[in-house]
Amino acid sequence: CYDNTTNYRFTPNVAGYYQVSVGFWFGSGSASYFVAPKVYKNGSQVLSAGTTSLNPSNNLTVGLSGLVYLNGTGDYIQAVVYQNTAGNLNFSNASPSYNFFCGVLLRAA
């Protein structure tokens, strides 16, 4: 139920409550910046973690986890991370296992 080619969203076909978890790994860079992971359901924010400050000398994973109801007939969720560099910021690929987006059905409706 995950579209990894066009919309990068999770659209489950079973209604229920899903445990959603996301994580993004950022390597050290050339300047300090802030990042904040979020989860959107049908285009509206439903989960958010606090803003984390990163500096040029550290590597850091930021993430969040929470419970989201999805109806199984069109609801979708997307993982987003906001940052304040005023430019593009890439996730580190030095350890791709630290970048994740998952949803698990905990209880069907």
C-alpha atoms as a PDB file:
ATOM      1  CA  CYS A   1       0.000   0.000   0.000  1.00  0.00           C
ATOM      2  CA  TYR A   2       3.039   2.303  -0.207  1.00  0.00           C
ATOM      3  CA  ASP A   3       3.642   4.217  -3.434  1.00  0.00           C
ATOM      4  CA  ASN A   4       7.400   4.689  -3.717  1.00  0.00           C
ATOM      5  CA  THR A   5       7.453   5.888  -7.326  1.00  0.00           C
ATOM      6  CA  THR A   6       5.125   8.890  -7.688  1.00  0.00           C
ATOM      7  CA  ASN A   7       3.398  10.239  -4.589  1.00  0.00           C
ATOM      8  CA  TYR A   8       5.469   8.638  -1.824  1.00  0.00           C
ATOM      9  CA  ARG A   9       2.423   8.007   0.308  1.00  0.00           C
ATOM     10  CA  PHE A  10       0.907   5.154   2.293  1.00  0.00           C
ATOM     11  CA  THR A  11      -2.711   4.372   1.350  1.00  0.00           C
ATOM     12  CA  PRO A  12      -3.856   1.263   3.254  1.00  0.00           C
ATOM     13  CA  ASN A  13      -6.894  -0.692   2.080  1.00  0.00           C
ATOM     14  CA  VAL A  14      -8.029  -1.782   5.572  1.00  0.00           C
ATOM     15  CA  ALA A  15      -9.820   0.700   7.831  1.00  0.00           C
ATOM     16  CA  GLY A  16      -8.391   1.046  11.297  1.00  0.00           C
ATOM     17  CA  TYR A  17      -5.874   2.591  13.640  1.00  0.00           C
ATOM     18  CA  TYR A  18      -2.287   2.642  12.408  1.00  0.00           C
ATOM     19  CA  GLN A  19       0.918   3.184  14.323  1.00  0.00           C
ATOM     20  CA  VAL A  20       2.894   5.541  12.086  1.00  0.00           C
ATOM     21  CA  SER A  21       6.633   6.122  12.504  1.00  0.00           C
ATOM     22  CA  VAL A  22       9.047   8.289  10.520  1.00  0.00           C
ATOM     23  CA  GLY A  23      12.723   9.083  10.859  1.00  0.00           C
ATOM     24  CA  PHE A  24      15.195  11.202   8.929  1.00  0.00           C
ATOM     25  CA  TRP A  25      18.974  11.086   9.329  1.00  0.00           C
ATOM     26  CA  PHE A  26      20.998  14.223   8.681  1.00  0.00           C
ATOM     27  CA  GLY A  27      24.757  14.270   8.501  1.00  0.00           C
ATOM     28  CA  SER A  28      26.965  17.111   9.569  1.00  0.00           C
ATOM     29  CA  GLY A  29      26.953  20.103   7.258  1.00  0.00           C
ATOM     30  CA  SER A  30      28.425  23.524   6.779  1.00  0.00           C
ATOM     31  CA  ALA A  31      25.898  25.567   8.798  1.00  0.00           C
ATOM     32  CA  SER A  32      23.454  25.293  11.676  1.00  0.00           C
ATOM     33  CA  TYR A  33      19.790  24.711  10.871  1.00  0.00           C
ATOM     34  CA  PHE A  34      16.499  23.486  12.311  1.00  0.00           C
ATOM     35  CA  VAL A  35      14.432  20.462  11.242  1.00  0.00           C
ATOM     36  CA  ALA A  36      10.961  19.263  12.282  1.00  0.00           C
ATOM     37  CA  PRO A  37       9.428  15.929  11.158  1.00  0.00           C
ATOM     38  CA  LYS A  38       5.685  15.807  10.447  1.00  0.00           C
ATOM     39  CA  VAL A  39       3.039  13.387   9.151  1.00  0.00           C
ATOM     40  CA  TYR A  40       0.200  14.546   6.925  1.00  0.00           C
ATOM     41  CA  LYS A  41      -3.120  12.751   6.421  1.00  0.00           C
ATOM     42  CA  ASN A  42      -4.925  13.681   3.188  1.00  0.00           C
ATOM     43  CA  GLY A  43      -2.821  16.857   2.993  1.00  0.00           C
ATOM     44  CA  SER A  44      -3.377  18.061   6.585  1.00  0.00           C
ATOM     45  CA  GLN A  45      -0.884  17.748   9.426  1.00  0.00           C
ATOM     46  CA  VAL A  46      -1.833  15.103  12.017  1.00  0.00           C
ATOM     47  CA  LEU A  47       1.487  14.402  13.775  1.00  0.00           C
ATOM     48  CA  SER A  48       4.410  16.688  14.505  1.00  0.00           C
ATOM     49  CA  ALA A  49       7.599  16.569  16.529  1.00  0.00           C
ATOM     50  CA  GLY A  50       9.336  19.570  17.994  1.00  0.00           C
ATOM     51  CA  THR A  51      11.986  21.496  16.115  1.00  0.00           C
ATOM     52  CA  THR A  52      15.499  20.129  16.508  1.00  0.00           C
ATOM     53  CA  SER A  53      18.626  22.199  16.046  1.00  0.00           C
ATOM     54  CA  LEU A  54      21.512  20.697  14.107  1.00  0.00           C
ATOM     55  CA  ASN A  55      24.989  22.135  13.848  1.00  0.00           C
ATOM     56  CA  PRO A  56      27.949  21.498  11.530  1.00  0.00           C
ATOM     57  CA  SER A  57      29.616  19.054  13.896  1.00  0.00           C
ATOM     58  CA  ASN A  58      26.850  16.540  14.557  1.00  0.00           C
ATOM     59  CA  ASN A  59      24.876  13.795  12.861  1.00  0.00           C
ATOM     60  CA  LEU A  60      21.325  13.327  14.037  1.00  0.00           C
ATOM     61  CA  THR A  61      18.193  11.292  13.435  1.00  0.00           C
ATOM     62  CA  VAL A  62      14.910  13.132  13.994  1.00  0.00           C
ATOM     63  CA  GLY A  63      11.653  11.232  14.093  1.00  0.00           C
ATOM     64  CA  LEU A  64       8.203  10.795  15.487  1.00  0.00           C
ATOM     65  CA  SER A  65       5.603   8.126  16.065  1.00  0.00           C
ATOM     66  CA  GLY A  66       1.878   8.250  16.689  1.00  0.00           C
ATOM     67  CA  LEU A  67      -1.552   6.733  16.138  1.00  0.00           C
ATOM     68  CA  VAL A  68      -3.600   7.704  13.058  1.00  0.00           C
ATOM     69  CA  TYR A  69      -7.044   6.468  11.937  1.00  0.00           C
ATOM     70  CA  LEU A  70      -7.224   5.626   8.202  1.00  0.00           C
ATOM     71  CA  ASN A  71     -10.511   4.657   6.525  1.00  0.00           C
ATOM     72  CA  GLY A  72      -9.118   2.067   4.077  1.00  0.00           C
ATOM     73  CA  THR A  73     -10.874   3.637   1.082  1.00  0.00           C
ATOM     74  CA  GLY A  74      -8.709   6.598   0.145  1.00  0.00           C
ATOM     75  CA  ASP A  75      -7.125   8.085   3.263  1.00  0.00           C
ATOM     76  CA  TYR A  76      -3.379   8.448   2.831  1.00  0.00           C
ATOM     77  CA  ILE A  77      -0.449   9.653   4.888  1.00  0.00           C
ATOM     78  CA  GLN A  78       2.840  11.255   3.898  1.00  0.00           C
ATOM     79  CA  ALA A  79       6.049  11.909   5.828  1.00  0.00           C
ATOM     80  CA  VAL A  80       7.478  15.428   5.628  1.00  0.00           C
ATOM     81  CA  VAL A  81      10.401  17.182   7.258  1.00  0.00           C
ATOM     82  CA  TYR A  82      10.593  20.964   7.433  1.00  0.00           C
ATOM     83  CA  GLN A  83      13.933  22.752   7.554  1.00  0.00           C
ATOM     84  CA  ASN A  84      15.057  26.361   7.591  1.00  0.00           C
ATOM     85  CA  THR A  85      18.151  26.430   5.389  1.00  0.00           C
ATOM     86  CA  ALA A  86      16.426  28.524   2.667  1.00  0.00           C
ATOM     87  CA  GLY A  87      17.626  25.921   0.188  1.00  0.00           C
ATOM     88  CA  ASN A  88      17.590  22.216  -0.519  1.00  0.00           C
ATOM     89  CA  LEU A  89      18.693  19.874   2.235  1.00  0.00           C
ATOM     90  CA  ASN A  90      19.363  16.222   1.466  1.00  0.00           C
ATOM     91  CA  PHE A  91      19.009  13.335   3.859  1.00  0.00           C
ATOM     92  CA  SER A  92      22.268  11.613   4.508  1.00  0.00           C
ATOM     93  CA  ASN A  93      22.750   8.404   2.559  1.00  0.00           C
ATOM     94  CA  ALA A  94      25.693   7.312   4.706  1.00  0.00           C
ATOM     95  CA  SER A  95      23.319   5.125   6.687  1.00  0.00           C
ATOM     96  CA  PRO A  96      20.048   4.665   4.773  1.00  0.00           C
ATOM     97  CA  SER A  97      18.599   2.431   7.484  1.00  0.00           C
ATOM     98  CA  TYR A  98      18.161   5.579   9.588  1.00  0.00           C
ATOM     99  CA  ASN A  99      15.639   7.005   7.084  1.00  0.00           C
ATOM    100  CA  PHE A 100      12.262   5.307   7.442  1.00  0.00           C
ATOM    101  CA  PHE A 101       8.505   5.728   7.045  1.00  0.00           C
ATOM    102  CA  CYS A 102       6.202   2.943   8.186  1.00  0.00           C
ATOM    103  CA  GLY A 103       2.620   2.254   9.162  1.00  0.00           C
ATOM    104  CA  VAL A 104       1.330  -0.817  10.996  1.00  0.00           C
ATOM    105  CA  LEU A 105      -2.329  -1.749  11.507  1.00  0.00           C
ATOM    106  CA  LEU A 106      -2.906  -1.998  15.242  1.00  0.00           C
ATOM    107  CA  ARG A 107      -6.678  -2.462  15.250  1.00  0.00           C
ATOM    108  CA  ALA A 108      -9.162  -2.775  12.408  1.00  0.00           C
ATOM    109  CA  ALA A 109     -12.240  -0.549  12.618  1.00  0.00           C
END
